[in-house]
Amino acid sequence: MKAESERHAVACIEQAEDTVKELRDALGRAGITLPSLRIDPVSLAREAPCPRIELGGCSVDVAARLAATLRGGA
């Protein structure tokens, strides 16, 4: 059972890494950089990791551009 749990954890971490890359790429195409975008390291510290994506902070200008992009106005 432990091997199955480990495989599941690895798959979850790989999915989180892929998602961070996809989000970083998509934001980059919109001219937006979130410097703190990453996998939350605390979420990996569990025996059975369940990764969370940390978007982090950004400037007001970046937040405004992000809002405009999500509205479809960028």
N, C-alpha and C. Protein backbone atom coordinates (compact mmCIF):
# COMPACT_ATOMS: atom_id res chain seq x y z
N MET A 1 0.81 -1.19 0.00
CA MET A 1 0.00 0.00 0.00
C MET A 1 0.87 1.27 0.00
N LYS A 2 2.02 1.19 0.66
CA LYS A 2 2.89 2.36 0.72
C LYS A 2 3.42 2.73 -0.67
N ALA A 3 3.76 1.74 -1.48
CA ALA A 3 4.26 2.01 -2.83
C ALA A 3 3.19 2.71 -3.65
N GLU A 4 1.95 2.29 -3.49
CA GLU A 4 0.85 2.94 -4.22
C GLU A 4 0.69 4.39 -3.77
N SER A 5 0.81 4.62 -2.49
CA SER A 5 0.71 5.98 -1.95
C SER A 5 1.85 6.85 -2.47
N GLU A 6 3.04 6.29 -2.55
CA GLU A 6 4.20 7.03 -3.06
C GLU A 6 4.02 7.36 -4.54
N ARG A 7 3.49 6.41 -5.32
CA ARG A 7 3.24 6.68 -6.75
C ARG A 7 2.21 7.79 -6.91
N HIS A 8 1.18 7.75 -6.06
CA HIS A 8 0.15 8.78 -6.11
C HIS A 8 0.76 10.15 -5.78
N ALA A 9 1.60 10.20 -4.74
CA ALA A 9 2.23 11.46 -4.35
C ALA A 9 3.10 12.00 -5.47
N VAL A 10 3.87 11.13 -6.11
CA VAL A 10 4.74 11.55 -7.22
C VAL A 10 3.89 12.10 -8.36
N ALA A 11 2.79 11.42 -8.67
CA ALA A 11 1.91 11.88 -9.75
C ALA A 11 1.31 13.24 -9.41
N CYS A 12 0.92 13.44 -8.15
CA CYS A 12 0.35 14.73 -7.74
C CYS A 12 1.37 15.85 -7.85
N ILE A 13 2.60 15.57 -7.44
CA ILE A 13 3.66 16.57 -7.51
C ILE A 13 3.98 16.90 -8.97
N GLU A 14 4.05 15.89 -9.81
CA GLU A 14 4.32 16.13 -11.24
C GLU A 14 3.20 16.96 -11.86
N GLN A 15 1.96 16.66 -11.51
CA GLN A 15 0.84 17.44 -12.03
C GLN A 15 0.93 18.89 -11.56
N ALA A 16 1.29 19.09 -10.30
CA ALA A 16 1.43 20.45 -9.78
C ALA A 16 2.55 21.19 -10.51
N GLU A 17 3.68 20.52 -10.74
CA GLU A 17 4.79 21.15 -11.47
C GLU A 17 4.37 21.54 -12.88
N ASP A 18 3.66 20.63 -13.55
CA ASP A 18 3.19 20.92 -14.91
C ASP A 18 2.21 22.09 -14.91
N THR A 19 1.35 22.14 -13.91
CA THR A 19 0.36 23.21 -13.82
C THR A 19 1.03 24.55 -13.59
N VAL A 20 2.05 24.58 -12.72
CA VAL A 20 2.78 25.83 -12.48
C VAL A 20 3.43 26.29 -13.78
N LYS A 21 4.04 25.37 -14.52
CA LYS A 21 4.68 25.73 -15.78
C LYS A 21 3.65 26.26 -16.78
N GLU A 22 2.52 25.57 -16.91
CA GLU A 22 1.48 26.01 -17.83
C GLU A 22 0.95 27.39 -17.45
N LEU A 23 0.72 27.61 -16.17
CA LEU A 23 0.22 28.91 -15.72
C LEU A 23 1.26 30.00 -15.94
N ARG A 24 2.51 29.71 -15.63
CA ARG A 24 3.59 30.69 -15.85
C ARG A 24 3.68 31.04 -17.34
N ASP A 25 3.60 30.03 -18.20
CA ASP A 25 3.66 30.27 -19.65
C ASP A 25 2.47 31.10 -20.13
N ALA A 26 1.27 30.74 -19.67
CA ALA A 26 0.06 31.47 -20.08
C ALA A 26 0.11 32.92 -19.60
N LEU A 27 0.53 33.12 -18.37
CA LEU A 27 0.65 34.49 -17.86
C LEU A 27 1.72 35.25 -18.65
N GLY A 28 2.81 34.59 -18.97
CA GLY A 28 3.88 35.23 -19.74
C GLY A 28 3.40 35.68 -21.11
N ARG A 29 2.57 34.87 -21.76
CA ARG A 29 2.02 35.26 -23.06
C ARG A 29 1.14 36.50 -22.94
N ALA A 30 0.58 36.71 -21.75
CA ALA A 30 -0.25 37.90 -21.51
C ALA A 30 0.59 39.05 -20.96
N GLY A 31 1.91 38.85 -20.88
CA GLY A 31 2.79 39.90 -20.38
C GLY A 31 2.76 40.05 -18.87
N ILE A 32 2.37 39.00 -18.18
CA ILE A 32 2.24 39.06 -16.71
C ILE A 32 3.22 38.08 -16.09
N THR A 33 3.94 38.56 -15.07
CA THR A 33 4.85 37.71 -14.32
C THR A 33 4.46 37.76 -12.85
N LEU A 34 4.23 36.59 -12.28
CA LEU A 34 4.01 36.49 -10.83
C LEU A 34 5.28 35.87 -10.26
N PRO A 35 6.17 36.69 -9.71
CA PRO A 35 7.48 36.19 -9.27
C PRO A 35 7.41 35.09 -8.22
N SER A 36 6.35 35.08 -7.43
CA SER A 36 6.25 34.10 -6.34
C SER A 36 5.49 32.85 -6.73
N LEU A 37 5.10 32.71 -8.00
CA LEU A 37 4.36 31.54 -8.45
C LEU A 37 5.21 30.30 -8.27
N ARG A 38 4.69 29.35 -7.48
CA ARG A 38 5.45 28.12 -7.20
C ARG A 38 4.55 27.12 -6.50
N ILE A 39 5.09 25.93 -6.31
CA ILE A 39 4.42 24.95 -5.47
C ILE A 39 4.71 25.35 -4.02
N ASP A 40 3.68 25.36 -3.21
CA ASP A 40 3.84 25.69 -1.79
C ASP A 40 4.66 24.60 -1.11
N PRO A 41 5.86 24.92 -0.64
CA PRO A 41 6.72 23.88 -0.06
C PRO A 41 6.12 23.24 1.19
N VAL A 42 5.32 23.96 1.94
CA VAL A 42 4.72 23.40 3.15
C VAL A 42 3.77 22.26 2.78
N SER A 43 3.08 22.40 1.65
CA SER A 43 2.14 21.36 1.23
C SER A 43 2.85 20.07 0.82
N LEU A 44 4.16 20.13 0.62
CA LEU A 44 4.94 18.94 0.26
C LEU A 44 5.53 18.25 1.48
N ALA A 45 5.40 18.86 2.65
CA ALA A 45 6.05 18.36 3.86
C ALA A 45 5.26 17.24 4.54
N ARG A 46 4.11 16.94 4.03
CA ARG A 46 3.30 15.88 4.63
C ARG A 46 3.82 14.51 4.22
N GLU A 47 3.43 13.50 4.95
CA GLU A 47 3.82 12.13 4.60
C GLU A 47 3.26 11.76 3.22
N ALA A 48 2.02 12.18 2.97
CA ALA A 48 1.40 11.99 1.66
C ALA A 48 1.17 13.38 1.07
N PRO A 49 2.16 13.91 0.33
CA PRO A 49 2.05 15.28 -0.19
C PRO A 49 0.80 15.52 -1.01
N CYS A 50 0.24 16.68 -0.80
CA CYS A 50 -0.91 17.14 -1.57
C CYS A 50 -0.59 18.56 -2.00
N PRO A 51 0.13 18.74 -3.11
CA PRO A 51 0.65 20.05 -3.49
C PRO A 51 -0.43 21.10 -3.68
N ARG A 52 -0.09 22.30 -3.24
CA ARG A 52 -0.92 23.48 -3.48
C ARG A 52 -0.06 24.46 -4.27
N ILE A 53 -0.71 25.24 -5.11
CA ILE A 53 -0.01 26.24 -5.91
C ILE A 53 -0.08 27.57 -5.18
N GLU A 54 1.07 28.17 -4.99
CA GLU A 54 1.16 29.46 -4.33
C GLU A 54 1.32 30.53 -5.41
N LEU A 55 0.35 31.43 -5.49
CA LEU A 55 0.42 32.49 -6.49
C LEU A 55 1.30 33.64 -6.00
N GLY A 56 1.34 33.89 -4.73
CA GLY A 56 2.19 34.92 -4.16
C GLY A 56 1.67 36.32 -4.38
N GLY A 57 2.47 37.27 -3.99
CA GLY A 57 2.10 38.67 -4.11
C GLY A 57 2.58 39.28 -5.42
N CYS A 58 2.00 40.43 -5.74
CA CYS A 58 2.42 41.14 -6.94
C CYS A 58 2.09 42.62 -6.75
N SER A 59 2.60 43.43 -7.64
CA SER A 59 2.34 44.87 -7.57
C SER A 59 0.90 45.16 -7.97
N VAL A 60 0.45 46.36 -7.66
CA VAL A 60 -0.90 46.78 -8.05
C VAL A 60 -1.02 46.77 -9.57
N ASP A 61 0.02 47.20 -10.27
CA ASP A 61 -0.01 47.20 -11.73
C ASP A 61 -0.20 45.80 -12.29
N VAL A 62 0.53 44.84 -11.75
CA VAL A 62 0.40 43.46 -12.22
C VAL A 62 -0.99 42.93 -11.90
N ALA A 63 -1.51 43.22 -10.72
CA ALA A 63 -2.86 42.78 -10.35
C ALA A 63 -3.90 43.37 -11.30
N ALA A 64 -3.73 44.63 -11.67
CA ALA A 64 -4.67 45.29 -12.59
C ALA A 64 -4.60 44.64 -13.97
N ARG A 65 -3.38 44.34 -14.44
CA ARG A 65 -3.22 43.68 -15.74
C ARG A 65 -3.81 42.27 -15.72
N LEU A 66 -3.63 41.58 -14.60
CA LEU A 66 -4.20 40.25 -14.46
C LEU A 66 -5.73 40.31 -14.51
N ALA A 67 -6.31 41.26 -13.78
CA ALA A 67 -7.77 41.43 -13.80
C ALA A 67 -8.27 41.75 -15.21
N ALA A 68 -7.56 42.63 -15.91
CA ALA A 68 -7.95 43.00 -17.27
C ALA A 68 -7.86 41.78 -18.20
N THR A 69 -6.82 40.99 -18.03
CA THR A 69 -6.67 39.79 -18.86
C THR A 69 -7.79 38.80 -18.60
N LEU A 70 -8.14 38.61 -17.36
CA LEU A 70 -9.22 37.68 -17.03
C LEU A 70 -10.57 38.18 -17.54
N ARG A 71 -10.73 39.49 -17.60
CA ARG A 71 -11.95 40.05 -18.17
C ARG A 71 -11.94 39.99 -19.69
N GLY A 72 -10.78 39.72 -20.27
CA GLY A 72 -10.68 39.66 -21.73
C GLY A 72 -10.32 40.99 -22.34
N GLY A 73 -9.87 41.93 -21.53
CA GLY A 73 -9.56 43.25 -22.03
C GLY A 73 -8.10 43.54 -22.24
N ALA A 74 -7.27 42.53 -22.18
CA ALA A 74 -5.84 42.77 -22.39
C ALA A 74 -5.51 42.31 -23.75
